[in-house]
Amino acid sequence: MACDGYVLVVDDDGLIRDFLVSVIGERYKLGVKAVSDGRAALNILLDSPPPLLILIDIMMPIMDGIEFIRQKDLQANWADIPVCVMTASAVPLVNLSGIVSVFRKPFGVEALMPLVKRYC
């Protein structure tokens, strides 16, 4: 199964980033862009077409996932991009739009794949 577009992975844990890039790329033949913080993710959005899906951690340096989502939602052309939060944090995610799913770390990659397929 091949898809047009890409998934944006935002996580400061390099092992998680690399694993998701590998699994999503191999299983769905889908492009994956991966960065380690929200500010770098905003730069991707500025420089690229919108992704099909954003997978983002909450607790990150420089710009955390909550601030990234708030900044993303300020731009009309980005507001509809679906966001999946991946977090070990118990931070409440109320008042954040665009979140289609929350995965509590650690989670199995098999749980994530139906979500990727849905937005592919």
PDB file of N, CA and C in Angstrom:
ATOM      1  N   MET A   1       0.844  -1.182   0.000  1.00  0.00           N
ATOM      2  CA  MET A   1       0.000   0.000   0.000  1.00  0.00           C
ATOM      3  C   MET A   1       0.881   1.234   0.000  1.00  0.00           C
ATOM      4  N   ALA A   2       0.769   2.085  -0.986  1.00  0.00           N
ATOM      5  CA  ALA A   2       1.551   3.313  -1.067  1.00  0.00           C
ATOM      6  C   ALA A   2       0.611   4.503  -0.923  1.00  0.00           C
ATOM      7  N   CYS A   3       1.095   5.552  -0.301  1.00  0.00           N
ATOM      8  CA  CYS A   3       0.284   6.738  -0.050  1.00  0.00           C
ATOM      9  C   CYS A   3       1.006   7.971  -0.565  1.00  0.00           C
ATOM     10  N   ASP A   4       0.244   8.964  -0.950  1.00  0.00           N
ATOM     11  CA  ASP A   4       0.813  10.253  -1.324  1.00  0.00           C
ATOM     12  C   ASP A   4       0.840  11.126  -0.081  1.00  0.00           C
ATOM     13  N   GLY A   5       1.912  11.863   0.099  1.00  0.00           N
ATOM     14  CA  GLY A   5       2.026  12.741   1.249  1.00  0.00           C
ATOM     15  C   GLY A   5       2.997  12.177   2.264  1.00  0.00           C
ATOM     16  N   TYR A   6       2.981  12.779   3.444  1.00  0.00           N
ATOM     17  CA  TYR A   6       3.915  12.357   4.486  1.00  0.00           C
ATOM     18  C   TYR A   6       3.289  12.516   5.863  1.00  0.00           C
ATOM     19  N   VAL A   7       3.905  11.844   6.818  1.00  0.00           N
ATOM     20  CA  VAL A   7       3.554  11.965   8.234  1.00  0.00           C
ATOM     21  C   VAL A   7       4.675  12.746   8.894  1.00  0.00           C
ATOM     22  N   LEU A   8       4.330  13.667   9.775  1.00  0.00           N
ATOM     23  CA  LEU A   8       5.312  14.423  10.540  1.00  0.00           C
ATOM     24  C   LEU A   8       5.392  13.834  11.944  1.00  0.00           C
ATOM     25  N   VAL A   9       6.572  13.356  12.309  1.00  0.00           N
ATOM     26  CA  VAL A   9       6.822  12.792  13.638  1.00  0.00           C
ATOM     27  C   VAL A   9       7.630  13.802  14.437  1.00  0.00           C
ATOM     28  N   VAL A  10       7.134  14.155  15.625  1.00  0.00           N
ATOM     29  CA  VAL A  10       7.787  15.153  16.472  1.00  0.00           C
ATOM     30  C   VAL A  10       7.987  14.540  17.852  1.00  0.00           C
ATOM     31  N   ASP A  11       9.231  14.194  18.162  1.00  0.00           N
ATOM     32  CA  ASP A  11       9.537  13.572  19.452  1.00  0.00           C
ATOM     33  C   ASP A  11      11.009  13.795  19.745  1.00  0.00           C
ATOM     34  N   ASP A  12      11.326  14.155  20.977  1.00  0.00           N
ATOM     35  CA  ASP A  12      12.730  14.398  21.328  1.00  0.00           C
ATOM     36  C   ASP A  12      13.506  13.113  21.590  1.00  0.00           C
ATOM     37  N   ASP A  13      12.827  11.981  21.637  1.00  0.00           N
ATOM     38  CA  ASP A  13      13.491  10.695  21.818  1.00  0.00           C
ATOM     39  C   ASP A  13      13.862  10.144  20.441  1.00  0.00           C
ATOM     40  N   GLY A  14      15.153  10.130  20.154  1.00  0.00           N
ATOM     41  CA  GLY A  14      15.634   9.700  18.850  1.00  0.00           C
ATOM     42  C   GLY A  14      15.280   8.269  18.507  1.00  0.00           C
ATOM     43  N   LEU A  15      15.240   7.394  19.492  1.00  0.00           N
ATOM     44  CA  LEU A  15      14.879   5.998  19.223  1.00  0.00           C
ATOM     45  C   LEU A  15      13.432   5.890  18.760  1.00  0.00           C
ATOM     46  N   ILE A  16      12.542   6.632  19.397  1.00  0.00           N
ATOM     47  CA  ILE A  16      11.133   6.618  19.001  1.00  0.00           C
ATOM     48  C   ILE A  16      10.981   7.208  17.604  1.00  0.00           C
ATOM     49  N   ARG A  17      11.631   8.355  17.359  1.00  0.00           N
ATOM     50  CA  ARG A  17      11.565   8.973  16.029  1.00  0.00           C
ATOM     51  C   ARG A  17      12.020   8.006  14.950  1.00  0.00           C
ATOM     52  N   ASP A  18      13.211   7.429  15.139  1.00  0.00           N
ATOM     53  CA  ASP A  18      13.768   6.540  14.125  1.00  0.00           C
ATOM     54  C   ASP A  18      12.883   5.317  13.909  1.00  0.00           C
ATOM     55  N   PHE A  19      12.341   4.764  14.983  1.00  0.00           N
ATOM     56  CA  PHE A  19      11.484   3.600  14.869  1.00  0.00           C
ATOM     57  C   PHE A  19      10.224   3.936  14.070  1.00  0.00           C
ATOM     58  N   LEU A  20       9.564   5.056  14.388  1.00  0.00           N
ATOM     59  CA  LEU A  20       8.345   5.428  13.674  1.00  0.00           C
ATOM     60  C   LEU A  20       8.624   5.734  12.210  1.00  0.00           C
ATOM     61  N   VAL A  21       9.727   6.401  11.927  1.00  0.00           N
ATOM     62  CA  VAL A  21      10.107   6.668  10.538  1.00  0.00           C
ATOM     63  C   VAL A  21      10.236   5.354   9.779  1.00  0.00           C
ATOM     64  N   SER A  22      10.920   4.395  10.368  1.00  0.00           N
ATOM     65  CA  SER A  22      11.151   3.107   9.727  1.00  0.00           C
ATOM     66  C   SER A  22       9.844   2.344   9.511  1.00  0.00           C
ATOM     67  N   VAL A  23       9.047   2.204  10.550  1.00  0.00           N
ATOM     68  CA  VAL A  23       7.823   1.413  10.459  1.00  0.00           C
ATOM     69  C   VAL A  23       6.821   2.041   9.494  1.00  0.00           C
ATOM     70  N   ILE A  24       6.593   3.335   9.625  1.00  0.00           N
ATOM     71  CA  ILE A  24       5.607   4.003   8.756  1.00  0.00           C
ATOM     72  C   ILE A  24       6.092   3.993   7.309  1.00  0.00           C
ATOM     73  N   GLY A  25       7.369   4.257   7.109  1.00  0.00           N
ATOM     74  CA  GLY A  25       7.916   4.255   5.756  1.00  0.00           C
ATOM     75  C   GLY A  25       7.855   2.899   5.097  1.00  0.00           C
ATOM     76  N   GLU A  26       8.218   1.860   5.821  1.00  0.00           N
ATOM     77  CA  GLU A  26       8.233   0.511   5.249  1.00  0.00           C
ATOM     78  C   GLU A  26       6.828  -0.053   5.052  1.00  0.00           C
ATOM     79  N   ARG A  27       5.974   0.107   6.044  1.00  0.00           N
ATOM     80  CA  ARG A  27       4.652  -0.514   5.973  1.00  0.00           C
ATOM     81  C   ARG A  27       3.741   0.194   4.985  1.00  0.00           C
ATOM     82  N   TYR A  28       3.802   1.519   4.945  1.00  0.00           N
ATOM     83  CA  TYR A  28       2.867   2.273   4.114  1.00  0.00           C
ATOM     84  C   TYR A  28       3.515   2.941   2.909  1.00  0.00           C
ATOM     85  N   LYS A  29       4.810   2.745   2.746  1.00  0.00           N
ATOM     86  CA  LYS A  29       5.528   3.391   1.635  1.00  0.00           C
ATOM     87  C   LYS A  29       5.202   4.883   1.625  1.00  0.00           C
ATOM     88  N   LEU A  30       5.217   5.444   2.815  1.00  0.00           N
ATOM     89  CA  LEU A  30       4.811   6.822   3.039  1.00  0.00           C
ATOM     90  C   LEU A  30       6.017   7.626   3.486  1.00  0.00           C
ATOM     91  N   GLY A  31       6.149   8.824   2.993  1.00  0.00           N
ATOM     92  CA  GLY A  31       7.216   9.694   3.449  1.00  0.00           C
ATOM     93  C   GLY A  31       7.000  10.074   4.900  1.00  0.00           C
ATOM     94  N   VAL A  32       8.101  10.211   5.620  1.00  0.00           N
ATOM     95  CA  VAL A  32       8.031  10.620   7.019  1.00  0.00           C
ATOM     96  C   VAL A  32       9.095  11.676   7.243  1.00  0.00           C
ATOM     97  N   LYS A  33       8.687  12.793   7.813  1.00  0.00           N
ATOM     98  CA  LYS A  33       9.630  13.823   8.242  1.00  0.00           C
ATOM     99  C   LYS A  33       9.639  13.781   9.757  1.00  0.00           C
ATOM    100  N   ALA A  34      10.833  13.826  10.337  1.00  0.00           N
ATOM    101  CA  ALA A  34      10.944  13.686  11.787  1.00  0.00           C
ATOM    102  C   ALA A  34      11.835  14.777  12.358  1.00  0.00           C
ATOM    103  N   VAL A  35      11.361  15.387  13.441  1.00  0.00           N
ATOM    104  CA  VAL A  35      12.114  16.437  14.125  1.00  0.00           C
ATOM    105  C   VAL A  35      11.985  16.234  15.635  1.00  0.00           C
ATOM    106  N   SER A  36      12.825  16.950  16.394  1.00  0.00           N
ATOM    107  CA  SER A  36      12.910  16.713  17.834  1.00  0.00           C
ATOM    108  C   SER A  36      12.191  17.724  18.717  1.00  0.00           C
ATOM    109  N   ASP A  37      11.545  18.734  18.137  1.00  0.00           N
ATOM    110  CA  ASP A  37      10.822  19.696  18.965  1.00  0.00           C
ATOM    111  C   ASP A  37       9.780  20.445  18.138  1.00  0.00           C
ATOM    112  N   GLY A  38       8.889  21.121  18.831  1.00  0.00           N
ATOM    113  CA  GLY A  38       7.798  21.828  18.180  1.00  0.00           C
ATOM    114  C   GLY A  38       8.233  22.955  17.271  1.00  0.00           C
ATOM    115  N   ARG A  39       9.280  23.658  17.623  1.00  0.00           N
ATOM    116  CA  ARG A  39       9.739  24.760  16.763  1.00  0.00           C
ATOM    117  C   ARG A  39      10.219  24.225  15.420  1.00  0.00           C
ATOM    118  N   ALA A  40      10.965  23.130  15.445  1.00  0.00           N
ATOM    119  CA  ALA A  40      11.417  22.512  14.193  1.00  0.00           C
ATOM    120  C   ALA A  40      10.217  22.010  13.384  1.00  0.00           C
ATOM    121  N   ALA A  41       9.190  21.518  14.075  1.00  0.00           N
ATOM    122  CA  ALA A  41       7.980  21.066  13.384  1.00  0.00           C
ATOM    123  C   ALA A  41       7.266  22.231  12.700  1.00  0.00           C
ATOM    124  N   LEU A  42       7.200  23.375  13.366  1.00  0.00           N
ATOM    125  CA  LEU A  42       6.597  24.554  12.723  1.00  0.00           C
ATOM    126  C   LEU A  42       7.378  24.942  11.476  1.00  0.00           C
ATOM    127  N   ASN A  43       8.696  24.839  11.534  1.00  0.00           N
ATOM    128  CA  ASN A  43       9.514  25.148  10.354  1.00  0.00           C
ATOM    129  C   ASN A  43       9.214  24.190   9.207  1.00  0.00           C
ATOM    130  N   ILE A  44       8.973  22.916   9.511  1.00  0.00           N
ATOM    131  CA  ILE A  44       8.580  21.959   8.473  1.00  0.00           C
ATOM    132  C   ILE A  44       7.269  22.405   7.831  1.00  0.00           C
ATOM    133  N   LEU A  45       6.299  22.801   8.655  1.00  0.00           N
ATOM    134  CA  LEU A  45       5.014  23.247   8.122  1.00  0.00           C
ATOM    135  C   LEU A  45       5.171  24.482   7.247  1.00  0.00           C
ATOM    136  N   LEU A  46       6.077  25.369   7.616  1.00  0.00           N
ATOM    137  CA  LEU A  46       6.312  26.570   6.817  1.00  0.00           C
ATOM    138  C   LEU A  46       6.947  26.255   5.465  1.00  0.00           C
ATOM    139  N   ASP A  47       7.802  25.243   5.439  1.00  0.00           N
ATOM    140  CA  ASP A  47       8.608  24.965   4.250  1.00  0.00           C
ATOM    141  C   ASP A  47       8.078  23.835   3.371  1.00  0.00           C
ATOM    142  N   SER A  48       7.012  23.152   3.782  1.00  0.00           N
ATOM    143  CA  SER A  48       6.538  21.962   3.070  1.00  0.00           C
ATOM    144  C   SER A  48       5.027  22.008   2.937  1.00  0.00           C
ATOM    145  N   PRO A  49       4.487  21.185   2.040  1.00  0.00           N
ATOM    146  CA  PRO A  49       3.025  21.019   2.032  1.00  0.00           C
ATOM    147  C   PRO A  49       2.584  20.427   3.369  1.00  0.00           C
ATOM    148  N   PRO A  50       1.332  20.614   3.745  1.00  0.00           N
ATOM    149  CA  PRO A  50       0.869  20.058   5.026  1.00  0.00           C
ATOM    150  C   PRO A  50       0.979  18.535   5.049  1.00  0.00           C
ATOM    151  N   PRO A  51       1.337  17.971   6.193  1.00  0.00           N
ATOM    152  CA  PRO A  51       1.380  16.514   6.308  1.00  0.00           C
ATOM    153  C   PRO A  51      -0.038  15.937   6.372  1.00  0.00           C
ATOM    154  N   LEU A  52      -0.126  14.636   6.147  1.00  0.00           N
ATOM    155  CA  LEU A  52      -1.397  13.935   6.278  1.00  0.00           C
ATOM    156  C   LEU A  52      -1.778  13.770   7.745  1.00  0.00           C
ATOM    157  N   LEU A  53      -0.756  13.668   8.604  1.00  0.00           N
ATOM    158  CA  LEU A  53      -0.948  13.403  10.025  1.00  0.00           C
ATOM    159  C   LEU A  53       0.290  13.867  10.774  1.00  0.00           C
ATOM    160  N   ILE A  54       0.094  14.386  11.979  1.00  0.00           N
ATOM    161  CA  ILE A  54       1.203  14.753  12.860  1.00  0.00           C
ATOM    162  C   ILE A  54       1.151  13.845  14.089  1.00  0.00           C
ATOM    163  N   LEU A  55       2.260  13.167  14.368  1.00  0.00           N
ATOM    164  CA  LEU A  55       2.432  12.376  15.582  1.00  0.00           C
ATOM    165  C   LEU A  55       3.367  13.165  16.475  1.00  0.00           C
ATOM    166  N   ILE A  56       2.911  13.583  17.654  1.00  0.00           N
ATOM    167  CA  ILE A  56       3.717  14.503  18.463  1.00  0.00           C
ATOM    168  C   ILE A  56       3.728  14.116  19.938  1.00  0.00           C
ATOM    169  N   ASP A  57       4.902  14.257  20.530  1.00  0.00           N
ATOM    170  CA  ASP A  57       5.088  14.106  21.962  1.00  0.00           C
ATOM    171  C   ASP A  57       4.665  15.416  22.625  1.00  0.00           C
ATOM    172  N   ILE A  58       4.383  15.379  23.898  1.00  0.00           N
ATOM    173  CA  ILE A  58       4.023  16.596  24.631  1.00  0.00           C
ATOM    174  C   ILE A  58       5.241  17.218  25.304  1.00  0.00           C
ATOM    175  N   MET A  59       6.003  16.426  26.026  1.00  0.00           N
ATOM    176  CA  MET A  59       7.136  16.939  26.795  1.00  0.00           C
ATOM    177  C   MET A  59       8.396  16.930  25.937  1.00  0.00           C
ATOM    178  N   MET A  60       8.788  18.125  25.437  1.00  0.00           N
ATOM    179  CA  MET A  60       9.984  18.277  24.609  1.00  0.00           C
ATOM    180  C   MET A  60      10.659  19.599  24.941  1.00  0.00           C
ATOM    181  N   PRO A  61      11.958  19.686  24.685  1.00  0.00           N
ATOM    182  CA  PRO A  61      12.646  20.964  24.881  1.00  0.00           C
ATOM    183  C   PRO A  61      12.310  21.942  23.748  1.00  0.00           C
ATOM    184  N   ILE A  62      12.712  23.159  23.914  1.00  0.00           N
ATOM    185  CA  ILE A  62      12.577  24.265  22.955  1.00  0.00           C
ATOM    186  C   ILE A  62      11.117  24.674  22.782  1.00  0.00           C
ATOM    187  N   MET A  63      10.270  23.815  22.216  1.00  0.00           N
ATOM    188  CA  MET A  63       8.831  24.070  22.160  1.00  0.00           C
ATOM    189  C   MET A  63       8.121  22.742  22.375  1.00  0.00           C
ATOM    190  N   ASP A  64       7.288  22.689  23.407  1.00  0.00           N
ATOM    191  CA  ASP A  64       6.596  21.431  23.704  1.00  0.00           C
ATOM    192  C   ASP A  64       5.421  21.220  22.755  1.00  0.00           C
ATOM    193  N   GLY A  65       4.819  20.054  22.857  1.00  0.00           N
ATOM    194  CA  GLY A  65       3.732  19.692  21.959  1.00  0.00           C
ATOM    195  C   GLY A  65       2.498  20.552  22.118  1.00  0.00           C
ATOM    196  N   ILE A  66       2.194  20.959  23.333  1.00  0.00           N
ATOM    197  CA  ILE A  66       1.016  21.805  23.566  1.00  0.00           C
ATOM    198  C   ILE A  66       1.175  23.150  22.871  1.00  0.00           C
ATOM    199  N   GLU A  67       2.335  23.765  23.024  1.00  0.00           N
ATOM    200  CA  GLU A  67       2.562  25.055  22.362  1.00  0.00           C
ATOM    201  C   GLU A  67       2.580  24.897  20.847  1.00  0.00           C
ATOM    202  N   PHE A  68       3.146  23.796  20.356  1.00  0.00           N
ATOM    203  CA  PHE A  68       3.127  23.549  18.913  1.00  0.00           C
ATOM    204  C   PHE A  68       1.688  23.496  18.408  1.00  0.00           C
ATOM    205  N   ILE A  69       0.828  22.739  19.090  1.00  0.00           N
ATOM    206  CA  ILE A  69      -0.566  22.608  18.648  1.00  0.00           C
ATOM    207  C   ILE A  69      -1.254  23.973  18.662  1.00  0.00           C
ATOM    208  N   ARG A  70      -1.003  24.753  19.690  1.00  0.00           N
ATOM    209  CA  ARG A  70      -1.592  26.105  19.751  1.00  0.00           C
ATOM    210  C   ARG A  70      -1.128  26.963  18.580  1.00  0.00           C
ATOM    211  N   GLN A  71       0.165  26.932  18.284  1.00  0.00           N
ATOM    212  CA  GLN A  71       0.706  27.715  17.167  1.00  0.00           C
ATOM    213  C   GLN A  71       0.171  27.204  15.824  1.00  0.00           C
ATOM    214  N   LYS A  72       0.101  25.894  15.674  1.00  0.00           N
ATOM    215  CA  LYS A  72      -0.429  25.291  14.438  1.00  0.00           C
ATOM    216  C   LYS A  72      -1.852  25.764  14.189  1.00  0.00           C
ATOM    217  N   ASP A  73      -2.649  25.783  15.233  1.00  0.00           N
ATOM    218  CA  ASP A  73      -4.056  26.120  15.085  1.00  0.00           C
ATOM    219  C   ASP A  73      -4.306  27.596  14.798  1.00  0.00           C
ATOM    220  N   LEU A  74      -3.295  28.440  14.959  1.00  0.00           N
ATOM    221  CA  LEU A  74      -3.431  29.860  14.621  1.00  0.00           C
ATOM    222  C   LEU A  74      -3.425  30.098  13.115  1.00  0.00           C
ATOM    223  N   GLN A  75      -2.930  29.120  12.369  1.00  0.00           N
ATOM    224  CA  GLN A  75      -2.848  29.242  10.912  1.00  0.00           C
ATOM    225  C   GLN A  75      -4.004  28.474  10.277  1.00  0.00           C
ATOM    226  N   ALA A  76      -4.835  29.159   9.541  1.00  0.00           N
ATOM    227  CA  ALA A  76      -6.025  28.529   8.962  1.00  0.00           C
ATOM    228  C   ALA A  76      -5.678  27.320   8.085  1.00  0.00           C
ATOM    229  N   ASN A  77      -4.595  27.400   7.332  1.00  0.00           N
ATOM    230  CA  ASN A  77      -4.254  26.295   6.426  1.00  0.00           C
ATOM    231  C   ASN A  77      -3.640  25.097   7.159  1.00  0.00           C
ATOM    232  N   TRP A  78      -3.341  25.231   8.434  1.00  0.00           N
ATOM    233  CA  TRP A  78      -2.797  24.121   9.226  1.00  0.00           C
ATOM    234  C   TRP A  78      -3.809  23.568  10.236  1.00  0.00           C
ATOM    235  N   ALA A  79      -4.841  24.322  10.524  1.00  0.00           N
ATOM    236  CA  ALA A  79      -5.748  23.985  11.623  1.00  0.00           C
ATOM    237  C   ALA A  79      -6.413  22.622  11.450  1.00  0.00           C
ATOM    238  N   ASP A  80      -6.627  22.186  10.224  1.00  0.00           N
ATOM    239  CA  ASP A  80      -7.322  20.919   9.990  1.00  0.00           C
ATOM    240  C   ASP A  80      -6.399  19.714   9.917  1.00  0.00           C
ATOM    241  N   ILE A  81      -5.102  19.897  10.101  1.00  0.00           N
ATOM    242  CA  ILE A  81      -4.184  18.758  10.073  1.00  0.00           C
ATOM    243  C   ILE A  81      -4.437  17.915  11.324  1.00  0.00           C
ATOM    244  N   PRO A  82      -4.740  16.625  11.153  1.00  0.00           N
ATOM    245  CA  PRO A  82      -4.992  15.784  12.333  1.00  0.00           C
ATOM    246  C   PRO A  82      -3.714  15.563  13.142  1.00  0.00           C
ATOM    247  N   VAL A  83      -3.876  15.549  14.457  1.00  0.00           N
ATOM    248  CA  VAL A  83      -2.754  15.395  15.389  1.00  0.00           C
ATOM    249  C   VAL A  83      -3.015  14.201  16.295  1.00  0.00           C
ATOM    250  N   CYS A  84      -2.004  13.358  16.413  1.00  0.00           N
ATOM    251  CA  CYS A  84      -2.026  12.257  17.374  1.00  0.00           C
ATOM    252  C   CYS A  84      -0.957  12.559  18.414  1.00  0.00           C
ATOM    253  N   VAL A  85      -1.361  12.617  19.667  1.00  0.00           N
ATOM    254  CA  VAL A  85      -0.437  12.885  20.752  1.00  0.00           C
ATOM    255  C   VAL A  85       0.101  11.562  21.286  1.00  0.00           C
ATOM    256  N   MET A  86       1.422  11.511  21.464  1.00  0.00           N
ATOM    257  CA  MET A  86       2.096  10.354  22.066  1.00  0.00           C
ATOM    258  C   MET A  86       2.784  10.885  23.318  1.00  0.00           C
ATOM    259  N   THR A  87       2.369  10.432  24.493  1.00  0.00           N
ATOM    260  CA  THR A  87       2.928  11.025  25.702  1.00  0.00           C
ATOM    261  C   THR A  87       2.937  10.068  26.881  1.00  0.00           C
ATOM    262  N   ALA A  88       3.901  10.262  27.741  1.00  0.00           N
ATOM    263  CA  ALA A  88       3.932   9.577  29.032  1.00  0.00           C
ATOM    264  C   ALA A  88       3.380  10.504  30.106  1.00  0.00           C
ATOM    265  N   SER A  89       3.113  11.735  29.729  1.00  0.00           N
ATOM    266  CA  SER A  89       2.650  12.759  30.656  1.00  0.00           C
ATOM    267  C   SER A  89       1.166  12.616  30.953  1.00  0.00           C
ATOM    268  N   ALA A  90       0.782  13.084  32.126  1.00  0.00           N
ATOM    269  CA  ALA A  90      -0.630  13.132  32.497  1.00  0.00           C
ATOM    270  C   ALA A  90      -1.199  14.532  32.300  1.00  0.00           C
ATOM    271  N   VAL A  91      -0.511  15.358  31.517  1.00  0.00           N
ATOM    272  CA  VAL A  91      -0.946  16.728  31.266  1.00  0.00           C
ATOM    273  C   VAL A  91      -2.315  16.700  30.582  1.00  0.00           C
ATOM    274  N   PRO A  92      -3.295  17.453  31.094  1.00  0.00           N
ATOM    275  CA  PRO A  92      -4.597  17.485  30.429  1.00  0.00           C
ATOM    276  C   PRO A  92      -4.488  18.160  29.065  1.00  0.00           C
ATOM    277  N   LEU A  93      -5.200  17.621  28.101  1.00  0.00           N
ATOM    278  CA  LEU A  93      -5.112  18.137  26.734  1.00  0.00           C
ATOM    279  C   LEU A  93      -6.396  18.850  26.327  1.00  0.00           C
ATOM    280  N   VAL A  94      -7.093  19.401  27.293  1.00  0.00           N
ATOM    281  CA  VAL A  94      -8.324  20.124  26.992  1.00  0.00           C
ATOM    282  C   VAL A  94      -7.986  21.423  26.268  1.00  0.00           C
ATOM    283  N   ASN A  95      -8.948  21.921  25.540  1.00  0.00           N
ATOM    284  CA  ASN A  95      -8.817  23.175  24.800  1.00  0.00           C
ATOM    285  C   ASN A  95      -7.768  23.127  23.698  1.00  0.00           C
ATOM    286  N   LEU A  96      -7.430  21.948  23.228  1.00  0.00           N
ATOM    287  CA  LEU A  96      -6.532  21.810  22.087  1.00  0.00           C
ATOM    288  C   LEU A  96      -7.331  21.164  20.962  1.00  0.00           C
ATOM    289  N   SER A  97      -7.376  21.839  19.835  1.00  0.00           N
ATOM    290  CA  SER A  97      -8.162  21.303  18.727  1.00  0.00           C
ATOM    291  C   SER A  97      -7.308  20.417  17.833  1.00  0.00           C
ATOM    292  N   GLY A  98      -7.961  19.634  17.042  1.00  0.00           N
ATOM    293  CA  GLY A  98      -7.277  18.825  16.045  1.00  0.00           C
ATOM    294  C   GLY A  98      -6.711  17.512  16.554  1.00  0.00           C
ATOM    295  N   ILE A  99      -6.819  17.242  17.857  1.00  0.00           N
ATOM    296  CA  ILE A  99      -6.284  15.988  18.389  1.00  0.00           C
ATOM    297  C   ILE A  99      -7.274  14.873  18.062  1.00  0.00           C
ATOM    298  N   VAL A 100      -6.805  13.907  17.276  1.00  0.00           N
ATOM    299  CA  VAL A 100      -7.672  12.798  16.866  1.00  0.00           C
ATOM    300  C   VAL A 100      -7.462  11.565  17.724  1.00  0.00           C
ATOM    301  N   SER A 101      -6.338  11.515  18.444  1.00  0.00           N
ATOM    302  CA  SER A 101      -6.062  10.364  19.281  1.00  0.00           C
ATOM    303  C   SER A 101      -4.940  10.694  20.262  1.00  0.00           C
ATOM    304  N   VAL A 102      -4.937   9.989  21.389  1.00  0.00           N
ATOM    305  CA  VAL A 102      -3.861  10.114  22.374  1.00  0.00           C
ATOM    306  C   VAL A 102      -3.371   8.714  22.698  1.00  0.00           C
ATOM    307  N   PHE A 103      -2.070   8.500  22.552  1.00  0.00           N
ATOM    308  CA  PHE A 103      -1.441   7.231  22.908  1.00  0.00           C
ATOM    309  C   PHE A 103      -0.537   7.480  24.103  1.00  0.00           C
ATOM    310  N   ARG A 104      -0.776   6.757  25.173  1.00  0.00           N
ATOM    311  CA  ARG A 104       0.062   6.872  26.364  1.00  0.00           C
ATOM    312  C   ARG A 104       1.279   5.974  26.195  1.00  0.00           C
ATOM    313  N   LYS A 105       2.454   6.562  26.374  1.00  0.00           N
ATOM    314  CA  LYS A 105       3.703   5.798  26.272  1.00  0.00           C
ATOM    315  C   LYS A 105       3.882   4.959  27.518  1.00  0.00           C
ATOM    316  N   PRO A 106       4.378   3.777  27.398  1.00  0.00           N
ATOM    317  CA  PRO A 106       4.736   3.100  26.151  1.00  0.00           C
ATOM    318  C   PRO A 106       3.489   2.500  25.505  1.00  0.00           C
ATOM    319  N   PHE A 107       3.473   2.464  24.196  1.00  0.00           N
ATOM    320  CA  PHE A 107       2.372   1.857  23.458  1.00  0.00           C
ATOM    321  C   PHE A 107       2.962   0.982  22.362  1.00  0.00           C
ATOM    322  N   GLY A 108       2.180   0.030  21.918  1.00  0.00           N
ATOM    323  CA  GLY A 108       2.613  -0.846  20.842  1.00  0.00           C
ATOM    324  C   GLY A 108       2.376  -0.189  19.495  1.00  0.00           C
ATOM    325  N   VAL A 109       3.299  -0.356  18.604  1.00  0.00           N
ATOM    326  CA  VAL A 109       3.181   0.261  17.287  1.00  0.00           C
ATOM    327  C   VAL A 109       1.952  -0.262  16.541  1.00  0.00           C
ATOM    328  N   GLU A 110       1.540  -1.487  16.825  1.00  0.00           N
ATOM    329  CA  GLU A 110       0.354  -2.034  16.151  1.00  0.00           C
ATOM    330  C   GLU A 110      -0.900  -1.225  16.487  1.00  0.00           C
ATOM    331  N   ALA A 111      -0.934  -0.614  17.648  1.00  0.00           N
ATOM    332  CA  ALA A 111      -2.078   0.224  18.013  1.00  0.00           C
ATOM    333  C   ALA A 111      -2.110   1.507  17.187  1.00  0.00           C
ATOM    334  N   LEU A 112      -0.947   1.976  16.779  1.00  0.00           N
ATOM    335  CA  LEU A 112      -0.829   3.227  16.029  1.00  0.00           C
ATOM    336  C   LEU A 112      -1.122   3.060  14.547  1.00  0.00           C
ATOM    337  N   MET A 113      -0.872   1.900  13.999  1.00  0.00           N
ATOM    338  CA  MET A 113      -0.967   1.706  12.559  1.00  0.00           C
ATOM    339  C   MET A 113      -2.367   1.938  11.982  1.00  0.00           C
ATOM    340  N   PRO A 114      -3.459   1.542  12.641  1.00  0.00           N
ATOM    341  CA  PRO A 114      -4.781   1.864  12.080  1.00  0.00           C
ATOM    342  C   PRO A 114      -5.004   3.377  11.945  1.00  0.00           C
ATOM    343  N   LEU A 115      -4.456   4.142  12.858  1.00  0.00           N
ATOM    344  CA  LEU A 115      -4.577   5.588  12.779  1.00  0.00           C
ATOM    345  C   LEU A 115      -3.829   6.130  11.564  1.00  0.00           C
ATOM    346  N   VAL A 116      -2.614   5.646  11.355  1.00  0.00           N
ATOM    347  CA  VAL A 116      -1.834   6.071  10.187  1.00  0.00           C
ATOM    348  C   VAL A 116      -2.590   5.699   8.916  1.00  0.00           C
ATOM    349  N   LYS A 117      -3.105   4.491   8.878  1.00  0.00           N
ATOM    350  CA  LYS A 117      -3.846   4.033   7.692  1.00  0.00           C
ATOM    351  C   LYS A 117      -5.066   4.918   7.434  1.00  0.00           C
ATOM    352  N   ARG A 118      -5.771   5.299   8.488  1.00  0.00           N
ATOM    353  CA  ARG A 118      -6.970   6.126   8.335  1.00  0.00           C
ATOM    354  C   ARG A 118      -6.668   7.462   7.646  1.00  0.00           C
ATOM    355  N   TYR A 119      -5.527   8.065   7.933  1.00  0.00           N
ATOM    356  CA  TYR A 119      -5.211   9.373   7.374  1.00  0.00           C
ATOM    357  C   TYR A 119      -4.303   9.307   6.160  1.00  0.00           C
ATOM    358  N   CYS A 120      -3.942   8.092   5.759  1.00  0.00           N
ATOM    359  CA  CYS A 120      -3.069   7.884   4.620  1.00  0.00           C
ATOM    360  C   CYS A 120      -3.846   8.057   3.335  1.00  0.00           C
TER     361      CYS A 120
END
